[in-house]
C-alpha atoms as a PDB file:
ATOM      1  CA  MET A   1       1.442  46.734 132.947  1.00  0.00           C
ATOM      2  CA  PRO A   2       0.304  50.162 134.237  1.00  0.00           C
ATOM      3  CA  ARG A   3      -3.047  51.348 132.860  1.00  0.00           C
ATOM      4  CA  PRO A   4      -1.607  54.464 131.161  1.00  0.00           C
ATOM      5  CA  ALA A   5       0.820  52.273 129.248  1.00  0.00           C
ATOM      6  CA  LEU A   6      -2.002  49.951 128.129  1.00  0.00           C
ATOM      7  CA  ILE A   7      -4.024  52.906 126.884  1.00  0.00           C
ATOM      8  CA  LEU A   8      -1.022  54.193 124.970  1.00  0.00           C
ATOM      9  CA  LEU A   9      -0.423  50.808 123.358  1.00  0.00           C
ATOM     10  CA  GLY A  10      -4.076  50.585 122.382  1.00  0.00           C
ATOM     11  CA  CYS A  11      -3.774  53.855 120.566  1.00  0.00           C
ATOM     12  CA  VAL A  12      -0.624  52.919 118.635  1.00  0.00           C
ATOM     13  CA  PRO A  13      -2.401  52.025 115.370  1.00  0.00           C
ATOM     14  CA  GLY A  14      -4.313  55.306 115.441  1.00  0.00           C
ATOM     15  CA  LEU A  15      -1.186  57.286 116.261  1.00  0.00           C
ATOM     16  CA  LEU A  16       0.679  55.575 113.439  1.00  0.00           C
ATOM     17  CA  ALA A  17      -2.117  56.428 111.030  1.00  0.00           C
ATOM     18  CA  VAL A  18      -2.038  60.069 112.089  1.00  0.00           C
ATOM     19  CA  ALA A  19       1.737  60.097 111.784  1.00  0.00           C
ATOM     20  CA  ALA A  20       1.483  58.596 108.314  1.00  0.00           C
ATOM     21  CA  LEU A  21      -0.995  61.266 107.248  1.00  0.00           C
ATOM     22  CA  VAL A  22       1.260  64.005 108.613  1.00  0.00           C
ATOM     23  CA  MET A  23       4.268  62.549 106.788  1.00  0.00           C
ATOM     24  CA  CYS A  24       2.247  62.222 103.575  1.00  0.00           C
ATOM     25  CA  ALA A  25       1.066  65.816 103.777  1.00  0.00           C
ATOM     26  CA  ALA A  26       4.598  66.993 104.429  1.00  0.00           C
ATOM     27  CA  GLY A  27       5.823  64.985 101.463  1.00  0.00           C
ATOM     28  CA  VAL A  28       3.207  66.546  99.182  1.00  0.00           C
ATOM     29  CA  ASP A  29       4.131  70.049 100.338  1.00  0.00           C
ATOM     30  CA  LEU A  30       7.807  69.309  99.831  1.00  0.00           C
ATOM     31  CA  SER A  31       7.194  67.889  96.374  1.00  0.00           C
ATOM     32  CA  ALA A  32       5.153  70.922  95.406  1.00  0.00           C
ATOM     33  CA  ALA A  33       7.902  73.227  96.643  1.00  0.00           C
ATOM     34  CA  ARG A  34      10.517  71.394  94.609  1.00  0.00           C
ATOM     35  CA  ALA A  35       8.419  71.085  91.451  1.00  0.00           C
ATOM     36  CA  PRO A  36       8.920  73.685  88.729  1.00  0.00           C
ATOM     37  CA  ALA A  37       6.327  76.425  88.595  1.00  0.00           C
ATOM     38  CA  PRO A  38       3.362  75.422  86.413  1.00  0.00           C
ATOM     39  CA  PRO A  39       2.867  77.258  83.149  1.00  0.00           C
ATOM     40  CA  PRO A  40       0.360  80.118  83.197  1.00  0.00           C
ATOM     41  CA  VAL A  41      -3.153  78.778  82.722  1.00  0.00           C
ATOM     42  CA  ALA A  42      -6.549  80.328  82.258  1.00  0.00           C
ATOM     43  CA  ALA A  43      -8.654  80.623  85.369  1.00  0.00           C
ATOM     44  CA  ARG A  44     -11.682  79.086  83.680  1.00  0.00           C
ATOM     45  CA  ILE A  45     -10.198  76.414  81.435  1.00  0.00           C
ATOM     46  CA  THR A  46     -12.463  73.373  81.506  1.00  0.00           C
ATOM     47  CA  VAL A  47     -12.763  71.173  78.441  1.00  0.00           C
ATOM     48  CA  PRO A  48     -12.880  72.122  74.775  1.00  0.00           C
ATOM     49  CA  ARG A  49     -16.099  73.955  74.021  1.00  0.00           C
ATOM     50  CA  PRO A  50     -16.737  73.376  70.328  1.00  0.00           C
ATOM     51  CA  VAL A  51     -17.993  76.397  68.421  1.00  0.00           C
ATOM     52  CA  ALA A  52     -18.428  76.445  64.671  1.00  0.00           C
ATOM     53  CA  ARG A  53     -15.424  78.053  63.055  1.00  0.00           C
ATOM     54  CA  PRO A  54     -16.434  81.297  61.381  1.00  0.00           C
ATOM     55  CA  PRO A  55     -15.470  81.823  57.724  1.00  0.00           C
ATOM     56  CA  ILE A  56     -11.826  82.913  57.559  1.00  0.00           C
ATOM     57  CA  VAL A  57     -10.281  84.222  54.349  1.00  0.00           C
ATOM     58  CA  PRO A  58      -6.834  82.603  53.839  1.00  0.00           C
ATOM     59  CA  ARG A  59      -3.707  84.745  53.678  1.00  0.00           C
ATOM     60  CA  SER A  60      -3.146  83.647  50.095  1.00  0.00           C
ATOM     61  CA  THR A  61      -5.990  86.024  49.208  1.00  0.00           C
ATOM     62  CA  TRP A  62      -4.077  89.100  50.329  1.00  0.00           C
ATOM     63  CA  LEU A  63      -0.442  87.987  50.055  1.00  0.00           C
ATOM     64  CA  ASP A  64       0.811  87.385  46.544  1.00  0.00           C
ATOM     65  CA  ALA A  65       4.140  85.886  45.541  1.00  0.00           C
ATOM     66  CA  GLU A  66       5.542  89.274  44.616  1.00  0.00           C
ATOM     67  CA  SER A  67       4.894  90.682  48.106  1.00  0.00           C
ATOM     68  CA  THR A  68       5.968  87.644  50.146  1.00  0.00           C
ATOM     69  CA  ARG A  69       9.161  88.009  52.142  1.00  0.00           C
ATOM     70  CA  GLU A  70      11.387  85.169  53.249  1.00  0.00           C
ATOM     71  CA  GLN A  71      10.552  84.124  56.790  1.00  0.00           C
ATOM     72  CA  PRO A  72      11.380  81.384  59.314  1.00  0.00           C
ATOM     73  CA  PRO A  73       8.945  78.556  60.120  1.00  0.00           C
ATOM     74  CA  PRO A  74       6.005  79.460  62.393  1.00  0.00           C
ATOM     75  CA  ARG A  75       6.356  79.044  66.145  1.00  0.00           C
ATOM     76  CA  TYR A  76       3.644  77.445  68.271  1.00  0.00           C
ATOM     77  CA  ASP A  77       2.420  77.389  71.856  1.00  0.00           C
ATOM     78  CA  ASP A  78       0.479  74.560  73.476  1.00  0.00           C
ATOM     79  CA  ARG A  79      -2.864  76.398  73.304  1.00  0.00           C
ATOM     80  CA  VAL A  80      -4.470  79.814  73.138  1.00  0.00           C
ATOM     81  CA  VAL A  81      -5.911  81.009  76.452  1.00  0.00           C
ATOM     82  CA  ALA A  82      -6.223  84.749  75.812  1.00  0.00           C
ATOM     83  CA  VAL A  83      -7.060  87.169  73.026  1.00  0.00           C
ATOM     84  CA  PHE A  84      -5.747  90.717  72.602  1.00  0.00           C
ATOM     85  CA  ILE A  85      -7.722  93.126  70.467  1.00  0.00           C
ATOM     86  CA  HIS A  86      -5.991  95.789  68.369  1.00  0.00           C
ATOM     87  CA  HIS A  87      -6.735  98.303  65.674  1.00  0.00           C
ATOM     88  CA  THR A  88      -4.512  98.861  62.653  1.00  0.00           C
ATOM     89  CA  ASP A  89      -4.542 102.670  63.039  1.00  0.00           C
ATOM     90  CA  SER A  90      -5.393 103.057  59.361  1.00  0.00           C
ATOM     91  CA  PRO A  91      -8.232 104.967  57.626  1.00  0.00           C
ATOM     92  CA  ASN A  92     -11.821 103.870  58.310  1.00  0.00           C
ATOM     93  CA  GLY A  93     -13.594 104.850  55.112  1.00  0.00           C
ATOM     94  CA  TYR A  94     -12.316 102.032  52.938  1.00  0.00           C
ATOM     95  CA  ASP A  95     -14.222  99.820  50.555  1.00  0.00           C
ATOM     96  CA  CYS A  96     -14.210  96.269  51.919  1.00  0.00           C
ATOM     97  CA  ALA A  97     -13.200  95.013  48.485  1.00  0.00           C
ATOM     98  CA  ASP A  98      -9.926  96.821  49.126  1.00  0.00           C
ATOM     99  CA  THR A  99      -9.214  94.968  52.397  1.00  0.00           C
ATOM    100  CA  PRO A 100      -6.629  92.564  50.895  1.00  0.00           C
ATOM    101  CA  ARG A 101      -4.561  95.530  49.710  1.00  0.00           C
ATOM    102  CA  ILE A 102      -4.806  97.179  53.150  1.00  0.00           C
ATOM    103  CA  ILE A 103      -3.602  94.015  54.893  1.00  0.00           C
ATOM    104  CA  ARG A 104      -0.792  93.701  52.384  1.00  0.00           C
ATOM    105  CA  ASP A 105       0.257  97.255  53.269  1.00  0.00           C
ATOM    106  CA  VAL A 106       0.235  96.364  56.993  1.00  0.00           C
ATOM    107  CA  TYR A 107       2.347  93.307  56.235  1.00  0.00           C
ATOM    108  CA  ALA A 108       4.784  95.395  54.168  1.00  0.00           C
ATOM    109  CA  GLY A 109       5.181  97.922  56.982  1.00  0.00           C
ATOM    110  CA  GLN A 110       5.741  95.335  59.682  1.00  0.00           C
ATOM    111  CA  THR A 111       8.133  93.162  57.686  1.00  0.00           C
ATOM    112  CA  GLY A 112       9.850  96.156  56.070  1.00  0.00           C
ATOM    113  CA  ALA A 113      10.515  99.159  58.311  1.00  0.00           C
ATOM    114  CA  LYS A 114       9.910  97.179  61.515  1.00  0.00           C
ATOM    115  CA  GLN A 115      11.829  94.140  60.210  1.00  0.00           C
ATOM    116  CA  TRP A 116       9.415  91.613  61.674  1.00  0.00           C
ATOM    117  CA  ASP A 117       9.455  88.096  60.256  1.00  0.00           C
ATOM    118  CA  ASP A 118       5.730  88.199  59.352  1.00  0.00           C
ATOM    119  CA  ILE A 119       2.608  90.216  60.012  1.00  0.00           C
ATOM    120  CA  GLY A 120       2.153  90.295  63.779  1.00  0.00           C
ATOM    121  CA  TYR A 121      -1.607  89.740  64.085  1.00  0.00           C
ATOM    122  CA  ASN A 122      -3.073  86.259  63.944  1.00  0.00           C
ATOM    123  CA  PHE A 123      -6.305  87.594  62.458  1.00  0.00           C
ATOM    124  CA  LEU A 124      -7.660  90.825  60.974  1.00  0.00           C
ATOM    125  CA  VAL A 125     -11.320  91.849  60.704  1.00  0.00           C
ATOM    126  CA  ASP A 126     -12.651  94.522  58.358  1.00  0.00           C
ATOM    127  CA  ARG A 127     -15.591  96.899  58.732  1.00  0.00           C
ATOM    128  CA  CYS A 128     -17.892  94.487  56.874  1.00  0.00           C
ATOM    129  CA  GLY A 129     -17.173  91.681  59.355  1.00  0.00           C
ATOM    130  CA  THR A 130     -14.922  89.628  57.079  1.00  0.00           C
ATOM    131  CA  ILE A 131     -12.234  87.730  58.996  1.00  0.00           C
ATOM    132  CA  TYR A 132      -8.793  87.298  57.421  1.00  0.00           C
ATOM    133  CA  GLU A 133      -5.963  84.961  58.354  1.00  0.00           C
ATOM    134  CA  GLY A 134      -2.944  87.018  59.366  1.00  0.00           C
ATOM    135  CA  ARG A 135       0.236  85.395  60.610  1.00  0.00           C
ATOM    136  CA  ALA A 136       1.223  82.134  58.923  1.00  0.00           C
ATOM    137  CA  GLY A 137       0.979  78.778  60.652  1.00  0.00           C
ATOM    138  CA  GLY A 138      -2.639  77.676  60.441  1.00  0.00           C
ATOM    139  CA  VAL A 139      -5.740  79.340  61.861  1.00  0.00           C
ATOM    140  CA  ASP A 140      -6.656  76.220  63.857  1.00  0.00           C
ATOM    141  CA  ARG A 141      -3.272  76.050  65.566  1.00  0.00           C
ATOM    142  CA  PRO A 142      -1.872  78.076  68.519  1.00  0.00           C
ATOM    143  CA  VAL A 143       0.499  80.191  66.433  1.00  0.00           C
ATOM    144  CA  THR A 144       2.786  82.487  68.432  1.00  0.00           C
ATOM    145  CA  GLY A 145       2.146  85.988  67.139  1.00  0.00           C
ATOM    146  CA  ALA A 146       3.956  89.310  67.393  1.00  0.00           C
ATOM    147  CA  HIS A 147       1.117  91.549  68.493  1.00  0.00           C
ATOM    148  CA  THR A 148       1.393  92.233  72.238  1.00  0.00           C
ATOM    149  CA  GLN A 149       4.942  92.695  73.478  1.00  0.00           C
ATOM    150  CA  GLY A 150       5.580  90.524  76.520  1.00  0.00           C
ATOM    151  CA  PHE A 151       2.383  88.500  76.060  1.00  0.00           C
ATOM    152  CA  ASN A 152       2.579  86.893  72.631  1.00  0.00           C
ATOM    153  CA  HIS A 153       2.713  83.368  74.048  1.00  0.00           C
ATOM    154  CA  ARG A 154      -0.557  81.467  74.511  1.00  0.00           C
ATOM    155  CA  SER A 155      -2.504  84.363  73.067  1.00  0.00           C
ATOM    156  CA  ALA A 156      -4.003  85.395  69.747  1.00  0.00           C
ATOM    157  CA  GLY A 157      -4.006  88.904  68.329  1.00  0.00           C
ATOM    158  CA  ILE A 158      -7.078  90.159  66.476  1.00  0.00           C
ATOM    159  CA  ALA A 159      -6.751  93.477  64.652  1.00  0.00           C
ATOM    160  CA  ALA A 160      -9.767  95.557  63.690  1.00  0.00           C
ATOM    161  CA  ILE A 161      -8.927  97.315  60.432  1.00  0.00           C
ATOM    162  CA  GLY A 162      -9.318 101.039  61.022  1.00  0.00           C
ATOM    163  CA  THR A 163      -8.751 103.678  63.699  1.00  0.00           C
ATOM    164  CA  PHE A 164     -11.120 103.613  66.672  1.00  0.00           C
ATOM    165  CA  THR A 165     -10.255 106.562  68.866  1.00  0.00           C
ATOM    166  CA  ALA A 166     -12.920 108.250  70.998  1.00  0.00           C
ATOM    167  CA  GLY A 167     -16.007 109.157  69.005  1.00  0.00           C
ATOM    168  CA  SER A 168     -15.236 106.872  66.057  1.00  0.00           C
ATOM    169  CA  PRO A 169     -18.100 104.581  65.029  1.00  0.00           C
ATOM    170  CA  VAL A 170     -17.335 100.881  65.428  1.00  0.00           C
ATOM    171  CA  PRO A 171     -19.302  98.799  62.906  1.00  0.00           C
ATOM    172  CA  LYS A 172     -21.554  96.170  64.472  1.00  0.00           C
ATOM    173  CA  ALA A 173     -20.584  93.708  61.744  1.00  0.00           C
ATOM    174  CA  MET A 174     -16.981  94.058  62.898  1.00  0.00           C
ATOM    175  CA  THR A 175     -17.629  93.490  66.618  1.00  0.00           C
ATOM    176  CA  ASP A 176     -19.970  90.575  65.898  1.00  0.00           C
ATOM    177  CA  ALA A 177     -17.305  88.918  63.739  1.00  0.00           C
ATOM    178  CA  ILE A 178     -14.658  89.482  66.426  1.00  0.00           C
ATOM    179  CA  ALA A 179     -16.979  87.899  69.017  1.00  0.00           C
ATOM    180  CA  ARG A 180     -17.544  84.838  66.825  1.00  0.00           C
ATOM    181  CA  LEU A 181     -13.808  84.513  66.232  1.00  0.00           C
ATOM    182  CA  VAL A 182     -13.075  84.860  69.965  1.00  0.00           C
ATOM    183  CA  ALA A 183     -15.734  82.261  70.851  1.00  0.00           C
ATOM    184  CA  TRP A 184     -14.274  79.760  68.419  1.00  0.00           C
ATOM    185  CA  LYS A 185     -10.591  80.347  69.172  1.00  0.00           C
ATOM    186  CA  LEU A 186     -10.948  80.306  72.974  1.00  0.00           C
ATOM    187  CA  GLY A 187     -13.470  77.489  72.757  1.00  0.00           C
ATOM    188  CA  LEU A 188     -10.721  75.194  71.446  1.00  0.00           C
ATOM    189  CA  ALA A 189      -9.229  75.311  74.958  1.00  0.00           C
ATOM    190  CA  GLY A 190     -12.525  75.626  76.830  1.00  0.00           C
ATOM    191  CA  VAL A 191     -11.734  79.190  77.905  1.00  0.00           C
ATOM    192  CA  ASP A 192     -14.556  81.462  79.058  1.00  0.00           C
ATOM    193  CA  PRO A 193     -14.343  84.815  77.225  1.00  0.00           C
ATOM    194  CA  ARG A 194     -15.609  86.508  80.396  1.00  0.00           C
ATOM    195  CA  GLY A 195     -12.905  85.020  82.612  1.00  0.00           C
ATOM    196  CA  THR A 196      -9.359  85.888  83.585  1.00  0.00           C
ATOM    197  CA  VAL A 197      -6.014  84.323  82.801  1.00  0.00           C
ATOM    198  CA  ARG A 198      -2.597  84.294  84.453  1.00  0.00           C
ATOM    199  CA  LEU A 199       0.141  85.091  81.944  1.00  0.00           C
ATOM    200  CA  VAL A 200       3.836  85.675  82.596  1.00  0.00           C
ATOM    201  CA  SER A 201       5.468  88.640  80.897  1.00  0.00           C
ATOM    202  CA  SER A 202       8.430  87.833  78.681  1.00  0.00           C
ATOM    203  CA  ASN A 203       9.522  91.425  78.091  1.00  0.00           C
ATOM    204  CA  SER A 204      10.083  94.332  80.473  1.00  0.00           C
ATOM    205  CA  LEU A 205       8.960  96.808  77.812  1.00  0.00           C
ATOM    206  CA  SER A 206       5.389  95.671  78.471  1.00  0.00           C
ATOM    207  CA  ARG A 207       3.331  96.966  81.406  1.00  0.00           C
ATOM    208  CA  TYR A 208       4.878  94.161  83.473  1.00  0.00           C
ATOM    209  CA  SER A 209       8.579  93.434  83.931  1.00  0.00           C
ATOM    210  CA  ALA A 210       9.853  90.164  82.508  1.00  0.00           C
ATOM    211  CA  GLY A 211       8.964  87.216  84.706  1.00  0.00           C
ATOM    212  CA  THR A 212       6.023  88.960  86.354  1.00  0.00           C
ATOM    213  CA  ALA A 213       2.745  87.044  86.466  1.00  0.00           C
ATOM    214  CA  ALA A 214      -0.175  89.224  85.453  1.00  0.00           C
ATOM    215  CA  VAL A 215      -3.846  88.380  85.815  1.00  0.00           C
ATOM    216  CA  LEU A 216      -5.628  89.731  82.736  1.00  0.00           C
ATOM    217  CA  SER A 217      -9.041  89.333  81.197  1.00  0.00           C
ATOM    218  CA  THR A 218      -9.123  86.486  78.700  1.00  0.00           C
ATOM    219  CA  VAL A 219     -10.292  89.065  76.160  1.00  0.00           C
ATOM    220  CA  SER A 220      -8.327  92.293  76.578  1.00  0.00           C
ATOM    221  CA  GLY A 221      -7.377  95.356  74.622  1.00  0.00           C
ATOM    222  CA  HIS A 222      -3.757  95.791  73.622  1.00  0.00           C
ATOM    223  CA  ASP A 223      -3.454  98.561  76.206  1.00  0.00           C
ATOM    224  CA  ALA A 224      -4.065  96.129  79.078  1.00  0.00           C
ATOM    225  CA  ALA A 225      -0.605  94.658  78.528  1.00  0.00           C
ATOM    226  CA  PHE A 226       1.364  97.407  76.784  1.00  0.00           C
ATOM    227  CA  MET A 227       1.666 101.197  77.113  1.00  0.00           C
ATOM    228  CA  THR A 228      -0.424 102.174  74.110  1.00  0.00           C
ATOM    229  CA  ARG A 229      -3.766 103.711  73.153  1.00  0.00           C
ATOM    230  CA  CYS A 230      -4.512 100.719  70.931  1.00  0.00           C
ATOM    231  CA  PRO A 231      -7.231  99.573  70.230  1.00  0.00           C
ATOM    232  CA  GLY A 232      -8.625 103.072  70.726  1.00  0.00           C
ATOM    233  CA  ALA A 233     -11.208 104.308  73.221  1.00  0.00           C
ATOM    234  CA  ALA A 234     -14.196 103.557  70.985  1.00  0.00           C
ATOM    235  CA  LEU A 235     -13.256  99.919  70.391  1.00  0.00           C
ATOM    236  CA  SER A 236     -12.115  99.446  73.993  1.00  0.00           C
ATOM    237  CA  ALA A 237     -15.597 100.464  75.111  1.00  0.00           C
ATOM    238  CA  ARG A 238     -17.043  97.615  73.045  1.00  0.00           C
ATOM    239  CA  ILE A 239     -14.836  94.883  74.529  1.00  0.00           C
ATOM    240  CA  PRO A 240     -17.237  94.032  77.406  1.00  0.00           C
ATOM    241  CA  GLU A 241     -19.969  93.513  74.805  1.00  0.00           C
ATOM    242  CA  ILE A 242     -17.632  91.330  72.729  1.00  0.00           C
ATOM    243  CA  ARG A 243     -16.881  89.173  75.793  1.00  0.00           C
ATOM    244  CA  GLU A 244     -20.563  88.657  76.577  1.00  0.00           C
ATOM    245  CA  LEU A 245     -21.487  87.891  72.981  1.00  0.00           C
ATOM    246  CA  ALA A 246     -18.589  85.442  72.617  1.00  0.00           C
ATOM    247  CA  ALA A 247     -19.712  83.678  75.808  1.00  0.00           C
ATOM    248  CA  ARG A 248     -23.229  83.353  74.382  1.00  0.00           C
ATOM    249  CA  TYR A 249     -21.813  81.900  71.188  1.00  0.00           C
ATOM    250  CA  GLN A 250     -20.091  79.324  73.395  1.00  0.00           C
ATOM    251  CA  GLY A 251     -23.441  78.511  74.997  1.00  0.00           C
ATOM    252  CA  ARG A 252     -22.523  79.941  78.400  1.00  0.00           C
END
């Protein structure tokens, strides 16, 4: 047999192995192309990062039987990978003992004139740093809220009670409580408060048309996803500090 043919035969096993690798790689690429697009996930999701749950006042404290409206069962996502911060655009000089009445008024406005099925925010925080349960469904669970149009899925909405436009003082007790809440809620999914997340818009009235994937900070102001001045320039300026403090609470 000619020498070139012998050399070729000697290489057959190696050539077959290379061919197999090429076919395997092609098969993986083809499978990936045919697979449905993965759900949006946080860029820095690792493993759950346990953080002590801060004290949270239950909604039964602010919502009495007389004020409760009929509503459908809560809706849930698989996990919470982002937090949007809001303000309630209400007066700042309130007595914290009056917070339950203020939240009840927010609930009445959203379920009345706006005809929402429940208060939109998952949590509310007052000027004294007290955290209140907002939307029904369980504070430990990934309840789908109604706080950030287009990006309510896989996110939680935290509303600071007050109006925080430019020049307004933002109480330290409030931002510290928000940071602790963020650290705990995102820690359930191992999400870094300083990271980013890929979320897909579900509504073209947001800053992104429906179906568009947006890369947002895991802790963002309402205005990052919707055309609004919420949560106000003063509170927006504190969000970087909230991210860093929440990360420290997570031990990062």
